[in-house]
Amino acid sequence: MRRPIAGILLCLLALAPAACGTSTPTAPTTPATTTDTFTGTVNQAGAVTNTFTTVASGTVTATLTAVGPDNTKAMGFAMGTYNTLLNVCQIVLANDLALQGAILQASATSQGTYCVRAYDTGTIAADTPFTFTITVVHP
């Protein structure tokens, strides 16, 4: 009688590790990022808006990577959400005195269309428009 019980216990003990299994903790995955580069020219009293779409929530970083012809001159630099029905950039962050190298950083709470904007804040002369490059890294 003891032999069948002992055999059953041995079988159960042999199966226990397989049933429980082992788990290896995994690091949380970070969504892949995309880099968009926008270039353009802002005339006196003008503005240029560019849009980009995120595929997930996460950090969005926009950098004013180049300003010409004089990179010591300030211009307006903004980031916001883009209303696709009204075709309007709803500004969330703005730097009216942005110099080359200025950074705007925000958190996209969901997939969606966002925008960056370069604009004159009174520093651009009629005969000398500004050129710019904006780099946006987003999910």
N, C-alpha and C. Protein backbone atom coordinates (compact mmCIF):
# COMPACT_ATOMS: atom_id res chain seq x y z
N MET A 1 0.81 -1.18 0.00
CA MET A 1 0.00 0.00 0.00
C MET A 1 0.86 1.25 0.00
N ARG A 2 1.98 1.17 0.68
CA ARG A 2 2.85 2.34 0.72
C ARG A 2 3.50 2.60 -0.63
N ARG A 3 3.76 1.56 -1.34
CA ARG A 3 4.44 1.72 -2.61
C ARG A 3 3.62 2.56 -3.60
N PRO A 4 2.32 2.33 -3.81
CA PRO A 4 1.56 3.16 -4.75
C PRO A 4 1.50 4.61 -4.28
N ILE A 5 1.38 4.86 -3.00
CA ILE A 5 1.31 6.24 -2.51
C ILE A 5 2.65 6.93 -2.71
N ALA A 6 3.71 6.22 -2.42
CA ALA A 6 5.05 6.79 -2.61
C ALA A 6 5.28 7.08 -4.09
N GLY A 7 4.83 6.20 -4.97
CA GLY A 7 4.99 6.40 -6.42
C GLY A 7 4.20 7.62 -6.88
N ILE A 8 3.00 7.77 -6.38
CA ILE A 8 2.17 8.92 -6.74
C ILE A 8 2.83 10.21 -6.25
N LEU A 9 3.33 10.21 -5.02
CA LEU A 9 4.00 11.40 -4.47
C LEU A 9 5.24 11.76 -5.29
N LEU A 10 5.99 10.75 -5.69
CA LEU A 10 7.18 11.02 -6.51
C LEU A 10 6.79 11.63 -7.85
N CYS A 11 5.73 11.12 -8.43
CA CYS A 11 5.27 11.67 -9.72
C CYS A 11 4.83 13.11 -9.54
N LEU A 12 4.08 13.38 -8.49
CA LEU A 12 3.62 14.75 -8.24
C LEU A 12 4.79 15.69 -8.00
N LEU A 13 5.77 15.24 -7.24
CA LEU A 13 6.95 16.07 -7.00
C LEU A 13 7.73 16.31 -8.29
N ALA A 14 7.78 15.32 -9.14
CA ALA A 14 8.50 15.47 -10.41
C ALA A 14 7.80 16.47 -11.32
N LEU A 15 6.47 16.51 -11.26
CA LEU A 15 5.71 17.42 -12.11
C LEU A 15 5.64 18.83 -11.54
N ALA A 16 5.84 19.00 -10.27
CA ALA A 16 5.69 20.31 -9.63
C ALA A 16 6.54 21.40 -10.26
N PRO A 17 7.85 21.18 -10.48
CA PRO A 17 8.64 22.25 -11.10
C PRO A 17 8.15 22.60 -12.50
N ALA A 18 7.72 21.60 -13.26
CA ALA A 18 7.24 21.87 -14.60
C ALA A 18 5.94 22.67 -14.55
N ALA A 19 5.11 22.38 -13.58
CA ALA A 19 3.85 23.09 -13.47
C ALA A 19 4.06 24.52 -13.02
N CYS A 20 5.00 24.72 -12.12
CA CYS A 20 5.26 26.06 -11.62
C CYS A 20 6.03 26.87 -12.64
N GLY A 21 6.99 26.25 -13.29
CA GLY A 21 7.80 26.95 -14.27
C GLY A 21 8.67 28.00 -13.61
N THR A 22 9.55 28.53 -14.38
CA THR A 22 10.38 29.62 -13.88
C THR A 22 10.13 30.83 -14.76
N SER A 23 10.16 31.98 -14.16
CA SER A 23 9.94 33.18 -14.96
C SER A 23 11.16 34.08 -14.82
N THR A 24 11.48 34.68 -15.91
CA THR A 24 12.60 35.62 -15.93
C THR A 24 12.01 37.01 -16.09
N PRO A 25 12.30 37.91 -15.16
CA PRO A 25 11.75 39.25 -15.32
C PRO A 25 12.31 39.92 -16.58
N THR A 26 11.44 40.65 -17.25
CA THR A 26 11.86 41.35 -18.46
C THR A 26 11.74 42.85 -18.22
N ALA A 27 12.63 43.56 -18.82
CA ALA A 27 12.60 45.02 -18.70
C ALA A 27 11.43 45.54 -19.52
N PRO A 28 10.80 46.61 -19.05
CA PRO A 28 9.71 47.18 -19.83
C PRO A 28 10.24 47.67 -21.19
N THR A 29 9.44 47.48 -22.20
CA THR A 29 9.88 47.90 -23.52
C THR A 29 9.55 49.37 -23.75
N THR A 30 10.48 50.06 -24.34
CA THR A 30 10.29 51.45 -24.69
C THR A 30 9.90 51.49 -26.16
N PRO A 31 8.84 52.25 -26.49
CA PRO A 31 8.46 52.28 -27.90
C PRO A 31 9.60 52.87 -28.76
N ALA A 32 9.70 52.37 -29.95
CA ALA A 32 10.70 52.89 -30.88
C ALA A 32 10.40 54.36 -31.15
N THR A 33 11.45 55.12 -31.41
CA THR A 33 11.25 56.53 -31.70
C THR A 33 11.48 56.82 -33.18
N THR A 34 10.89 57.89 -33.62
CA THR A 34 11.03 58.38 -34.99
C THR A 34 11.61 59.78 -34.92
N THR A 35 12.46 60.12 -35.86
CA THR A 35 13.01 61.47 -35.93
C THR A 35 12.51 62.13 -37.22
N ASP A 36 11.87 63.28 -37.07
CA ASP A 36 11.42 64.07 -38.21
C ASP A 36 12.24 65.35 -38.23
N THR A 37 12.64 65.77 -39.42
CA THR A 37 13.40 67.01 -39.57
C THR A 37 12.61 67.94 -40.50
N PHE A 38 12.39 69.15 -40.03
CA PHE A 38 11.65 70.15 -40.80
C PHE A 38 12.55 71.35 -41.07
N THR A 39 12.53 71.83 -42.28
CA THR A 39 13.28 73.03 -42.63
C THR A 39 12.33 74.01 -43.30
N GLY A 40 12.68 75.30 -43.23
CA GLY A 40 11.85 76.29 -43.87
C GLY A 40 12.41 77.68 -43.71
N THR A 41 11.60 78.64 -44.14
CA THR A 41 11.97 80.05 -44.08
C THR A 41 10.82 80.83 -43.47
N VAL A 42 11.16 81.68 -42.49
CA VAL A 42 10.16 82.54 -41.86
C VAL A 42 10.43 83.98 -42.29
N ASN A 43 9.43 84.60 -42.88
CA ASN A 43 9.52 86.00 -43.28
C ASN A 43 9.07 86.89 -42.14
N GLN A 44 9.31 88.20 -42.29
CA GLN A 44 8.89 89.17 -41.29
C GLN A 44 7.38 89.01 -41.05
N ALA A 45 6.99 88.94 -39.77
CA ALA A 45 5.60 88.78 -39.33
C ALA A 45 4.99 87.45 -39.78
N GLY A 46 5.82 86.49 -40.16
CA GLY A 46 5.33 85.22 -40.66
C GLY A 46 5.53 84.07 -39.68
N ALA A 47 5.05 82.91 -40.08
CA ALA A 47 5.17 81.69 -39.29
C ALA A 47 5.10 80.48 -40.21
N VAL A 48 5.71 79.39 -39.78
CA VAL A 48 5.66 78.13 -40.51
C VAL A 48 5.31 77.03 -39.50
N THR A 49 4.29 76.24 -39.83
CA THR A 49 3.85 75.15 -38.96
C THR A 49 4.09 73.82 -39.67
N ASN A 50 4.64 72.85 -38.94
CA ASN A 50 4.84 71.50 -39.46
C ASN A 50 4.17 70.52 -38.51
N THR A 51 3.62 69.45 -39.06
CA THR A 51 2.93 68.45 -38.23
C THR A 51 3.68 67.12 -38.26
N PHE A 52 3.45 66.34 -37.20
CA PHE A 52 3.99 64.99 -37.11
C PHE A 52 3.00 64.15 -36.31
N THR A 53 3.05 62.85 -36.51
CA THR A 53 2.10 61.95 -35.86
C THR A 53 2.85 60.95 -34.99
N THR A 54 2.40 60.83 -33.74
CA THR A 54 2.96 59.82 -32.84
C THR A 54 2.14 58.54 -32.98
N VAL A 55 2.79 57.40 -32.77
CA VAL A 55 2.09 56.12 -32.85
C VAL A 55 1.81 55.55 -31.48
N ALA A 56 2.32 56.22 -30.43
CA ALA A 56 2.12 55.77 -29.06
C ALA A 56 2.34 56.97 -28.14
N SER A 57 2.05 56.78 -26.88
CA SER A 57 2.34 57.83 -25.91
C SER A 57 3.83 57.82 -25.61
N GLY A 58 4.33 58.93 -25.10
CA GLY A 58 5.75 58.99 -24.76
C GLY A 58 6.29 60.40 -24.86
N THR A 59 7.59 60.52 -24.67
CA THR A 59 8.26 61.81 -24.67
C THR A 59 8.48 62.31 -26.09
N VAL A 60 8.17 63.59 -26.29
CA VAL A 60 8.41 64.26 -27.57
C VAL A 60 9.41 65.38 -27.30
N THR A 61 10.50 65.38 -28.06
CA THR A 61 11.53 66.40 -27.92
C THR A 61 11.72 67.11 -29.25
N ALA A 62 11.53 68.43 -29.25
CA ALA A 62 11.74 69.25 -30.45
C ALA A 62 12.94 70.15 -30.18
N THR A 63 13.86 70.20 -31.16
CA THR A 63 15.07 71.00 -31.03
C THR A 63 15.17 71.95 -32.22
N LEU A 64 15.41 73.21 -31.95
CA LEU A 64 15.67 74.20 -32.99
C LEU A 64 17.16 74.03 -33.34
N THR A 65 17.43 73.18 -34.31
CA THR A 65 18.81 72.77 -34.56
C THR A 65 19.60 73.76 -35.40
N ALA A 66 18.94 74.60 -36.18
CA ALA A 66 19.66 75.59 -36.98
C ALA A 66 18.80 76.82 -37.20
N VAL A 67 19.45 77.99 -37.16
CA VAL A 67 18.81 79.26 -37.47
C VAL A 67 19.79 80.04 -38.34
N GLY A 68 19.29 80.60 -39.42
CA GLY A 68 20.17 81.37 -40.30
C GLY A 68 19.49 82.66 -40.72
N PRO A 69 20.15 83.62 -41.21
CA PRO A 69 21.57 83.63 -41.53
C PRO A 69 22.46 83.93 -40.32
N ASP A 70 21.86 84.30 -39.19
CA ASP A 70 22.65 84.65 -38.00
C ASP A 70 22.10 83.84 -36.83
N ASN A 71 22.86 82.82 -36.40
CA ASN A 71 22.35 81.93 -35.35
C ASN A 71 22.36 82.55 -33.95
N THR A 72 22.74 83.82 -33.85
CA THR A 72 22.67 84.50 -32.55
C THR A 72 21.36 85.29 -32.41
N LYS A 73 20.53 85.27 -33.44
CA LYS A 73 19.25 85.98 -33.41
C LYS A 73 18.15 85.05 -32.91
N ALA A 74 17.23 85.62 -32.13
CA ALA A 74 16.12 84.83 -31.56
C ALA A 74 14.93 84.82 -32.51
N MET A 75 14.18 83.76 -32.43
CA MET A 75 12.91 83.64 -33.15
C MET A 75 11.94 82.86 -32.28
N GLY A 76 10.69 82.83 -32.65
CA GLY A 76 9.69 82.07 -31.91
C GLY A 76 9.75 80.60 -32.28
N PHE A 77 9.55 79.75 -31.28
CA PHE A 77 9.62 78.30 -31.45
C PHE A 77 8.57 77.70 -30.52
N ALA A 78 7.65 76.91 -31.07
CA ALA A 78 6.54 76.39 -30.27
C ALA A 78 6.20 74.96 -30.67
N MET A 79 5.51 74.28 -29.75
CA MET A 79 5.05 72.92 -29.98
C MET A 79 3.66 72.79 -29.38
N GLY A 80 2.81 71.99 -30.04
CA GLY A 80 1.46 71.82 -29.52
C GLY A 80 0.74 70.66 -30.17
N THR A 81 -0.56 70.63 -29.97
CA THR A 81 -1.40 69.60 -30.59
C THR A 81 -2.01 70.18 -31.86
N TYR A 82 -2.18 69.33 -32.85
CA TYR A 82 -2.71 69.81 -34.12
C TYR A 82 -4.16 69.35 -34.26
N ASN A 83 -5.04 70.32 -34.48
CA ASN A 83 -6.45 70.03 -34.69
C ASN A 83 -6.64 69.81 -36.18
N THR A 84 -6.83 68.55 -36.57
CA THR A 84 -6.93 68.21 -37.99
C THR A 84 -8.24 68.68 -38.61
N LEU A 85 -9.27 68.89 -37.81
CA LEU A 85 -10.54 69.39 -38.35
C LEU A 85 -10.46 70.86 -38.72
N LEU A 86 -9.77 71.63 -37.88
CA LEU A 86 -9.67 73.08 -38.11
C LEU A 86 -8.35 73.48 -38.76
N ASN A 87 -7.42 72.52 -38.90
CA ASN A 87 -6.07 72.82 -39.42
C ASN A 87 -5.41 73.92 -38.60
N VAL A 88 -5.40 73.73 -37.28
CA VAL A 88 -4.86 74.72 -36.36
C VAL A 88 -3.88 74.04 -35.41
N CYS A 89 -2.73 74.69 -35.20
CA CYS A 89 -1.75 74.24 -34.22
C CYS A 89 -2.12 74.91 -32.89
N GLN A 90 -2.57 74.12 -31.94
CA GLN A 90 -2.93 74.65 -30.62
C GLN A 90 -1.69 74.58 -29.74
N ILE A 91 -1.04 75.72 -29.56
CA ILE A 91 0.24 75.80 -28.87
C ILE A 91 0.11 75.38 -27.41
N VAL A 92 1.02 74.53 -26.97
CA VAL A 92 1.10 74.09 -25.58
C VAL A 92 2.36 74.65 -24.93
N LEU A 93 3.48 74.61 -25.65
CA LEU A 93 4.76 75.16 -25.17
C LEU A 93 5.27 76.16 -26.18
N ALA A 94 5.76 77.31 -25.70
CA ALA A 94 6.30 78.31 -26.62
C ALA A 94 7.51 79.00 -26.01
N ASN A 95 8.46 79.31 -26.86
CA ASN A 95 9.64 80.08 -26.48
C ASN A 95 9.74 81.21 -27.50
N ASP A 96 9.35 82.42 -27.11
CA ASP A 96 9.35 83.56 -28.03
C ASP A 96 10.74 84.12 -28.30
N LEU A 97 11.73 83.69 -27.54
CA LEU A 97 13.10 84.16 -27.74
C LEU A 97 14.06 82.99 -27.89
N ALA A 98 13.67 82.03 -28.71
CA ALA A 98 14.46 80.82 -28.88
C ALA A 98 15.70 81.09 -29.74
N LEU A 99 16.81 80.59 -29.28
CA LEU A 99 18.06 80.65 -30.03
C LEU A 99 18.34 79.26 -30.58
N GLN A 100 19.25 79.19 -31.54
CA GLN A 100 19.65 77.90 -32.06
C GLN A 100 20.04 76.99 -30.90
N GLY A 101 19.54 75.77 -30.90
CA GLY A 101 19.82 74.81 -29.83
C GLY A 101 18.70 74.73 -28.80
N ALA A 102 17.70 75.61 -28.90
CA ALA A 102 16.58 75.59 -27.94
C ALA A 102 15.84 74.26 -28.04
N ILE A 103 15.38 73.77 -26.88
CA ILE A 103 14.68 72.48 -26.81
C ILE A 103 13.32 72.67 -26.15
N LEU A 104 12.31 72.05 -26.73
CA LEU A 104 10.99 71.96 -26.12
C LEU A 104 10.71 70.47 -25.91
N GLN A 105 10.26 70.11 -24.70
CA GLN A 105 10.00 68.70 -24.42
C GLN A 105 8.64 68.57 -23.75
N ALA A 106 7.87 67.60 -24.21
CA ALA A 106 6.53 67.37 -23.67
C ALA A 106 6.25 65.87 -23.69
N SER A 107 5.12 65.51 -23.13
CA SER A 107 4.71 64.11 -23.11
C SER A 107 3.43 63.97 -23.93
N ALA A 108 3.51 63.15 -24.96
CA ALA A 108 2.31 62.82 -25.74
C ALA A 108 1.55 61.78 -24.94
N THR A 109 0.32 62.08 -24.60
CA THR A 109 -0.47 61.15 -23.78
C THR A 109 -1.10 60.03 -24.60
N SER A 110 -1.09 60.19 -25.91
CA SER A 110 -1.67 59.15 -26.76
C SER A 110 -1.18 59.33 -28.19
N GLN A 111 -1.57 58.40 -29.02
CA GLN A 111 -1.29 58.52 -30.44
C GLN A 111 -2.03 59.75 -30.94
N GLY A 112 -1.42 60.51 -31.83
CA GLY A 112 -2.11 61.68 -32.34
C GLY A 112 -1.24 62.54 -33.23
N THR A 113 -1.81 63.64 -33.68
CA THR A 113 -1.10 64.58 -34.54
C THR A 113 -0.70 65.79 -33.72
N TYR A 114 0.57 66.13 -33.79
CA TYR A 114 1.13 67.24 -33.03
C TYR A 114 1.81 68.20 -34.01
N CYS A 115 2.27 69.35 -33.52
CA CYS A 115 2.85 70.34 -34.41
C CYS A 115 4.00 71.09 -33.76
N VAL A 116 4.89 71.59 -34.61
CA VAL A 116 5.94 72.51 -34.20
C VAL A 116 5.80 73.73 -35.09
N ARG A 117 6.19 74.86 -34.54
CA ARG A 117 5.99 76.13 -35.25
C ARG A 117 7.20 77.02 -35.06
N ALA A 118 7.67 77.63 -36.14
CA ALA A 118 8.71 78.65 -36.10
C ALA A 118 8.04 79.95 -36.54
N TYR A 119 8.33 81.05 -35.82
CA TYR A 119 7.62 82.30 -36.13
C TYR A 119 8.44 83.53 -35.76
N ASP A 120 8.06 84.65 -36.38
CA ASP A 120 8.73 85.92 -36.12
C ASP A 120 8.13 86.55 -34.87
N THR A 121 8.99 87.04 -34.00
CA THR A 121 8.53 87.76 -32.80
C THR A 121 9.01 89.21 -32.85
N GLY A 122 9.24 89.70 -34.07
CA GLY A 122 9.68 91.07 -34.23
C GLY A 122 11.17 91.21 -34.45
N THR A 123 11.86 90.10 -34.62
CA THR A 123 13.31 90.15 -34.80
C THR A 123 13.73 89.97 -36.26
N ILE A 124 12.79 89.65 -37.14
CA ILE A 124 13.13 89.39 -38.54
C ILE A 124 12.89 90.64 -39.37
N ALA A 125 13.91 91.08 -40.09
CA ALA A 125 13.79 92.24 -40.97
C ALA A 125 13.14 91.82 -42.29
N ALA A 126 12.48 92.77 -42.93
CA ALA A 126 11.77 92.49 -44.18
C ALA A 126 12.71 91.94 -45.26
N ASP A 127 13.93 92.41 -45.29
CA ASP A 127 14.85 91.99 -46.34
C ASP A 127 15.74 90.82 -45.94
N THR A 128 15.58 90.29 -44.72
CA THR A 128 16.42 89.18 -44.26
C THR A 128 15.58 88.12 -43.55
N PRO A 129 14.88 87.27 -44.31
CA PRO A 129 14.12 86.19 -43.66
C PRO A 129 15.05 85.23 -42.94
N PHE A 130 14.50 84.51 -41.97
CA PHE A 130 15.27 83.51 -41.23
C PHE A 130 15.01 82.13 -41.84
N THR A 131 16.05 81.33 -41.93
CA THR A 131 15.88 79.92 -42.25
C THR A 131 16.00 79.14 -40.95
N PHE A 132 15.40 77.97 -40.92
CA PHE A 132 15.44 77.18 -39.68
C PHE A 132 15.43 75.70 -40.01
N THR A 133 15.89 74.92 -39.05
CA THR A 133 15.74 73.47 -39.05
C THR A 133 15.27 73.07 -37.66
N ILE A 134 14.21 72.28 -37.61
CA ILE A 134 13.68 71.76 -36.35
C ILE A 134 13.73 70.23 -36.45
N THR A 135 14.28 69.61 -35.42
CA THR A 135 14.33 68.15 -35.34
C THR A 135 13.39 67.71 -34.22
N VAL A 136 12.51 66.77 -34.53
CA VAL A 136 11.55 66.26 -33.55
C VAL A 136 11.76 64.75 -33.39
N VAL A 137 11.96 64.32 -32.14
CA VAL A 137 12.07 62.89 -31.82
C VAL A 137 10.82 62.51 -31.03
N HIS A 138 10.11 61.51 -31.50
CA HIS A 138 8.83 61.14 -30.89
C HIS A 138 8.55 59.65 -31.04
N PRO A 139 7.61 59.14 -30.21
CA PRO A 139 7.24 57.72 -30.34
C PRO A 139 6.42 57.46 -31.59
